[in-house]
Amino acid sequence: PACWSRDMLTELIHAGVDVFRLNMAHATMEEHTRTVTTLRELSAEARPIAVLVDLAGPKIRLGELPDGQVMCELDAVFDFVRGDQSRDPKKLTSNYDRQVDELRVGNKVMLADGTVTMVVEDAKPDSVSCRVIQRGMIRTRQGINLPGAQISLPAMTDRDIECAKWAASVQADYVSLSFVRSATEIKQLKSLLKEHGSDAPVVAKIEKPEAMSNLESIVKATDAVMVARGDLGVEIDIAKVPVAQKRIISTCNRLQRPVIVATQMLDSMHHASRPTRAEVTDIAN
């Protein structure tokens, strides 16, 4: 929302932006349509600007929280319950109905990009009790990662299919798919886009352990790859992320696929005018 206005989009183009990413996990289709229309007009006035429609994929997110946020103190116990909102700050909900069914005692529940961690201590038919083992603040609609849990979410949700059809209708230049697990999912997306008159290149976002197991076939099936370190660094051990990043990049180089590295490239510049040395070195590498 901070950059929806025509003036801000113009400023970003003058600053050098080449591709604008529309995050379909947020905002309405009408709001995204207005943004695309504005970008096409500005592109005609300035220079070619591309639009990337980023499908959310099977992302599990927190439901509504009282006051929009809750502090999770160490050793506090929270219950995940069914539904999408709760008035009790100790009872959490999510957008995935089967989460309560599929979590098992001992599973980790990681929230807010892994900054808050809980472990499942008790599983009942309609609720799952979790104890906080890493404290922090959680907010409404933040992501939930369940590393190690057997989750039966489809590759593309009904919302993703709707958004892919919309992407074809507005002639998006690129379409990316989150939480890719196999080459089949990329082929399904390409087929769907083609059915609706789009030949937009597809970007596979690598952020699941299953994707690392099927890396070669995914890279061969897709048009470009993103090393999505945010969720990847929560789904696999953080110590393995640098090695995974190098492996993805080398595979893409060998198979001649463009590869993007994303997440926290210049994170410190949210509150400082200069990046850290570590960030600059990361980008240079």
Protein backbone atom coordinates (compact mmCIF):
# COMPACT_ATOMS: atom_id res chain seq x y z
CA PRO A 1 0.00 0.00 0.00
CA ALA A 2 2.90 2.40 0.66
CA CYS A 3 3.72 2.49 -3.05
CA TRP A 4 0.26 2.22 -4.65
CA SER A 5 0.06 5.89 -5.62
CA ARG A 6 0.97 7.03 -9.13
CA ASP A 7 3.52 9.48 -7.72
CA MET A 8 5.34 6.78 -5.73
CA LEU A 9 5.35 4.34 -8.66
CA THR A 10 6.78 7.09 -10.86
CA GLU A 11 9.48 7.80 -8.27
CA LEU A 12 10.39 4.10 -8.12
CA ILE A 13 10.66 3.89 -11.91
CA HIS A 14 12.96 6.92 -11.95
CA ALA A 15 15.03 5.24 -9.21
CA GLY A 16 15.64 2.32 -11.57
CA VAL A 17 12.97 -0.34 -10.93
CA ASP A 18 12.68 -2.81 -13.84
CA VAL A 19 10.09 -5.27 -12.50
CA PHE A 20 7.24 -4.67 -10.07
CA ARG A 21 6.14 -7.69 -7.99
CA LEU A 22 2.46 -7.93 -7.10
CA ASN A 23 2.10 -10.04 -3.96
CA MET A 24 -1.21 -11.86 -4.43
CA ALA A 25 -1.24 -12.91 -0.75
CA HIS A 26 -2.36 -9.36 0.03
CA ALA A 27 -4.77 -6.76 -1.40
CA THR A 28 -7.83 -7.32 -3.62
CA MET A 29 -7.93 -8.11 -7.32
CA GLU A 30 -9.41 -4.67 -7.96
CA GLU A 31 -6.49 -2.98 -6.19
CA HIS A 32 -3.96 -5.05 -8.16
CA THR A 33 -5.79 -4.24 -11.40
CA ARG A 34 -5.50 -0.51 -10.68
CA THR A 35 -1.78 -0.92 -10.02
CA VAL A 36 -1.22 -2.81 -13.29
CA THR A 37 -3.18 -0.18 -15.25
CA THR A 38 -1.07 2.60 -13.71
CA LEU A 39 2.19 0.71 -14.39
CA ARG A 40 1.27 0.13 -18.04
CA GLU A 41 0.54 3.85 -18.46
CA LEU A 42 3.81 4.84 -16.78
CA SER A 43 5.73 2.29 -18.85
CA ALA A 44 4.37 3.86 -22.03
CA GLU A 45 5.53 7.27 -20.82
CA ALA A 46 8.97 6.23 -19.49
CA ARG A 47 10.52 2.89 -20.51
CA PRO A 48 9.54 -0.79 -20.60
CA ILE A 49 8.52 -1.92 -17.12
CA ALA A 50 7.61 -5.54 -16.35
CA VAL A 51 4.96 -6.87 -13.98
CA LEU A 52 5.51 -10.08 -11.99
CA VAL A 53 2.42 -11.68 -10.45
CA ASP A 54 3.53 -13.62 -7.36
CA LEU A 55 1.09 -16.42 -6.51
CA ALA A 56 0.94 -17.07 -2.77
CA GLY A 57 0.90 -20.86 -3.05
CA PRO A 58 -0.13 -22.99 -0.06
CA LYS A 59 1.05 -20.49 2.55
CA ILE A 60 -0.37 -21.05 6.01
CA ARG A 61 -1.10 -17.78 7.81
CA LEU A 62 -2.33 -16.74 11.24
CA GLY A 63 -5.93 -15.63 11.51
CA GLU A 64 -7.10 -12.42 13.17
CA LEU A 65 -5.50 -11.67 16.54
CA PRO A 66 -6.95 -9.48 19.29
CA ASP A 67 -5.51 -5.97 18.80
CA GLY A 68 -3.69 -7.31 15.74
CA GLN A 69 -0.70 -8.68 17.67
CA VAL A 70 0.24 -10.87 20.64
CA MET A 71 3.50 -11.17 22.59
CA CYS A 72 4.59 -14.80 23.00
CA GLU A 73 6.62 -15.10 26.19
CA LEU A 74 9.01 -17.99 26.82
CA ASP A 75 7.23 -21.14 28.11
CA ALA A 76 3.77 -19.62 27.54
CA VAL A 77 1.20 -22.10 26.20
CA PHE A 78 -0.99 -21.26 23.20
CA ASP A 79 -3.75 -23.35 21.65
CA PHE A 80 -4.34 -23.58 17.91
CA VAL A 81 -8.09 -23.94 17.38
CA ARG A 82 -10.38 -24.18 14.37
CA GLY A 83 -11.74 -21.05 12.68
CA ASP A 84 -10.14 -17.86 11.37
CA GLN A 85 -10.43 -15.50 14.32
CA SER A 86 -10.37 -15.60 18.11
CA ARG A 87 -11.06 -13.12 20.87
CA ASP A 88 -8.77 -14.99 23.27
CA PRO A 89 -5.08 -13.99 22.78
CA LYS A 90 -4.00 -17.49 23.93
CA LYS A 91 -6.12 -19.21 21.25
CA LEU A 92 -4.65 -18.91 17.75
CA THR A 93 -6.31 -19.64 14.41
CA SER A 94 -5.04 -20.04 10.85
CA ASN A 95 -6.28 -20.08 7.27
CA TYR A 96 -5.62 -23.85 7.04
CA ASP A 97 -8.56 -25.88 8.36
CA ARG A 98 -6.60 -29.13 8.70
CA GLN A 99 -3.72 -27.71 10.74
CA VAL A 100 -5.27 -28.98 13.97
CA ASP A 101 -5.66 -32.46 12.44
CA GLU A 102 -2.16 -32.75 10.98
CA LEU A 103 0.05 -31.47 13.81
CA ARG A 104 1.58 -34.09 16.08
CA VAL A 105 3.24 -33.93 19.51
CA GLY A 106 6.86 -32.86 19.02
CA ASN A 107 6.24 -30.91 15.80
CA LYS A 108 7.62 -27.37 15.70
CA VAL A 109 5.41 -24.42 14.81
CA MET A 110 7.41 -21.44 13.55
CA LEU A 111 5.81 -18.02 13.18
CA ALA A 112 6.79 -14.59 11.89
CA ASP A 113 9.56 -15.86 9.55
CA GLY A 114 10.92 -18.13 12.28
CA THR A 115 11.42 -15.40 14.88
CA VAL A 116 8.92 -17.15 17.18
CA THR A 117 9.03 -20.92 17.74
CA MET A 118 6.62 -23.21 19.54
CA VAL A 119 6.59 -26.97 20.05
CA VAL A 120 3.43 -29.10 20.10
CA GLU A 121 2.89 -30.64 23.55
CA ASP A 122 -0.68 -31.96 23.26
CA ALA A 123 -2.98 -32.73 20.33
CA LYS A 124 -6.76 -33.02 20.81
CA PRO A 125 -9.55 -33.42 18.22
CA ASP A 126 -10.31 -29.67 18.09
CA SER A 127 -7.17 -28.01 19.44
CA VAL A 128 -3.41 -28.33 19.62
CA SER A 129 -1.44 -26.99 22.61
CA CYS A 130 2.00 -25.48 21.94
CA ARG A 131 4.67 -24.17 24.30
CA VAL A 132 6.82 -21.18 23.30
CA ILE A 133 10.52 -22.08 23.09
CA GLN A 134 11.61 -18.88 21.32
CA ARG A 135 9.82 -15.71 22.38
CA GLY A 136 8.69 -12.82 20.22
CA MET A 137 5.79 -10.84 18.78
CA ILE A 138 3.30 -12.35 16.33
CA ARG A 139 0.86 -10.35 14.19
CA THR A 140 -2.34 -10.99 12.27
CA ARG A 141 -1.83 -12.75 8.90
CA GLN A 142 1.84 -13.54 9.51
CA GLY A 143 3.12 -16.78 8.06
CA ILE A 144 3.18 -20.13 9.84
CA ASN A 145 5.79 -22.76 8.97
CA LEU A 146 5.45 -26.38 10.08
CA PRO A 147 8.83 -27.99 9.34
CA GLY A 148 8.65 -31.76 9.56
CA ALA A 149 4.84 -31.94 9.64
CA GLN A 150 3.04 -33.88 6.90
CA ILE A 151 0.82 -31.23 5.32
CA SER A 152 -1.69 -32.12 2.58
CA LEU A 153 -2.05 -28.69 0.98
CA PRO A 154 -2.32 -28.58 -2.84
CA ALA A 155 0.39 -26.88 -4.93
CA MET A 156 -2.07 -24.23 -6.07
CA THR A 157 -5.03 -23.16 -3.99
CA ASP A 158 -8.35 -22.04 -5.51
CA ARG A 159 -7.16 -18.48 -4.90
CA ASP A 160 -3.91 -19.18 -6.81
CA ILE A 161 -5.86 -20.53 -9.79
CA GLU A 162 -8.07 -17.45 -9.77
CA CYS A 163 -5.00 -15.19 -9.59
CA ALA A 164 -3.24 -17.06 -12.40
CA LYS A 165 -6.25 -16.56 -14.68
CA TRP A 166 -6.27 -12.88 -13.72
CA ALA A 167 -2.53 -12.64 -14.47
CA ALA A 168 -3.21 -13.99 -17.96
CA SER A 169 -6.06 -11.49 -18.45
CA VAL A 170 -3.85 -8.48 -17.60
CA GLN A 171 -0.95 -9.88 -19.67
CA ALA A 172 1.47 -10.18 -16.76
CA ASP A 173 5.08 -10.42 -17.92
CA TYR A 174 6.06 -13.07 -15.35
CA VAL A 175 4.21 -15.36 -12.94
CA SER A 176 5.93 -16.89 -9.90
CA LEU A 177 4.72 -19.84 -7.83
CA SER A 178 5.49 -20.07 -4.12
CA PHE A 179 6.33 -23.26 -2.21
CA VAL A 180 7.06 -25.32 -5.32
CA ARG A 181 7.61 -28.98 -4.49
CA SER A 182 7.86 -30.69 -7.89
CA ALA A 183 8.20 -30.05 -11.63
CA THR A 184 4.59 -31.20 -12.07
CA GLU A 185 3.36 -28.08 -10.26
CA ILE A 186 5.28 -25.84 -12.67
CA LYS A 187 3.84 -27.72 -15.65
CA GLN A 188 0.33 -27.34 -14.21
CA LEU A 189 0.77 -23.57 -13.87
CA LYS A 190 2.18 -23.24 -17.39
CA SER A 191 -0.74 -25.25 -18.76
CA LEU A 192 -3.26 -23.07 -16.91
CA LEU A 193 -1.66 -19.86 -18.20
CA LYS A 194 -1.58 -21.22 -21.75
CA GLU A 195 -5.27 -22.17 -21.57
CA HIS A 196 -6.02 -18.53 -20.83
CA GLY A 197 -3.84 -17.07 -23.57
CA SER A 198 -0.66 -16.30 -21.65
CA ASP A 199 2.89 -17.37 -22.46
CA ALA A 200 4.37 -15.54 -19.46
CA PRO A 201 7.59 -17.12 -18.17
CA VAL A 202 7.18 -18.92 -14.84
CA VAL A 203 9.47 -18.37 -11.84
CA ALA A 204 9.78 -21.31 -9.40
CA LYS A 205 10.33 -20.16 -5.81
CA ILE A 206 12.49 -22.65 -3.92
CA GLU A 207 11.49 -22.59 -0.25
CA LYS A 208 10.61 -26.20 0.67
CA PRO A 209 12.82 -29.23 1.46
CA GLU A 210 10.90 -31.20 -1.19
CA ALA A 211 12.02 -28.67 -3.81
CA MET A 212 15.65 -29.29 -2.88
CA SER A 213 15.07 -33.03 -3.39
CA ASN A 214 13.55 -32.37 -6.85
CA LEU A 215 15.78 -29.43 -7.77
CA GLU A 216 17.11 -30.67 -11.13
CA SER A 217 13.68 -31.49 -12.58
CA ILE A 218 12.15 -28.24 -11.27
CA VAL A 219 14.91 -26.12 -12.84
CA LYS A 220 14.48 -27.94 -16.15
CA ALA A 221 10.68 -27.38 -16.11
CA THR A 222 10.69 -23.70 -15.19
CA ASP A 223 11.85 -20.49 -16.92
CA ALA A 224 13.55 -18.89 -13.91
CA VAL A 225 14.21 -19.70 -10.25
CA MET A 226 14.11 -17.76 -7.02
CA VAL A 227 16.11 -18.72 -3.92
CA ALA A 228 13.42 -17.61 -1.45
CA ARG A 229 15.53 -17.57 1.70
CA GLY A 230 12.81 -16.32 4.04
CA ASP A 231 10.72 -19.47 4.13
CA LEU A 232 13.58 -21.74 3.04
CA GLY A 233 15.53 -20.67 6.13
CA VAL A 234 12.59 -21.72 8.30
CA GLU A 235 11.69 -24.94 6.49
CA ILE A 236 15.28 -26.25 6.61
CA ASP A 237 18.03 -25.75 9.20
CA ILE A 238 19.39 -22.21 8.88
CA ALA A 239 22.94 -23.63 8.76
CA LYS A 240 22.01 -25.40 5.52
CA VAL A 241 20.70 -22.29 3.74
CA PRO A 242 24.10 -21.06 2.38
CA VAL A 243 24.86 -24.51 0.96
CA ALA A 244 21.35 -24.80 -0.52
CA GLN A 245 21.71 -21.33 -2.07
CA LYS A 246 25.02 -22.27 -3.72
CA ARG A 247 23.55 -25.55 -4.98
CA ILE A 248 20.49 -23.84 -6.49
CA ILE A 249 22.60 -21.16 -8.19
CA SER A 250 25.11 -23.66 -9.62
CA THR A 251 22.29 -25.87 -10.91
CA CYS A 252 20.63 -22.89 -12.60
CA ASN A 253 23.94 -21.79 -14.13
CA ARG A 254 24.59 -25.29 -15.46
CA LEU A 255 21.07 -25.57 -16.94
CA GLN A 256 21.10 -21.94 -18.17
CA ARG A 257 18.18 -20.66 -16.11
CA PRO A 258 18.08 -17.14 -14.66
CA VAL A 259 18.23 -17.24 -10.86
CA ILE A 260 17.17 -14.65 -8.28
CA VAL A 261 18.37 -14.54 -4.67
CA ALA A 262 15.86 -12.87 -2.35
CA THR A 263 15.10 -12.00 1.27
CA GLN A 264 16.93 -9.62 3.63
CA MET A 265 19.46 -8.51 1.01
CA LEU A 266 19.45 -4.99 2.51
CA ASP A 267 17.32 -5.57 5.59
CA SER A 268 19.27 -3.19 7.84
CA MET A 269 18.40 -0.28 5.52
CA HIS A 270 14.87 -0.28 6.97
CA HIS A 271 16.44 1.74 9.78
CA ALA A 272 19.88 2.81 8.51
CA SER A 273 21.04 4.73 5.45
CA ARG A 274 23.96 2.37 4.81
CA PRO A 275 23.88 -1.43 4.53
CA THR A 276 26.01 -3.65 6.74
CA ARG A 277 29.27 -5.11 5.44
CA ALA A 278 27.72 -8.58 5.67
CA GLU A 279 24.84 -7.53 3.39
CA VAL A 280 27.15 -5.97 0.83
CA THR A 281 29.33 -9.08 0.81
CA ASP A 282 26.26 -11.30 0.44
CA ILE A 283 25.06 -9.33 -2.59
CA ALA A 284 28.55 -9.26 -4.14
CA ASN A 285 28.78 -13.05 -3.79
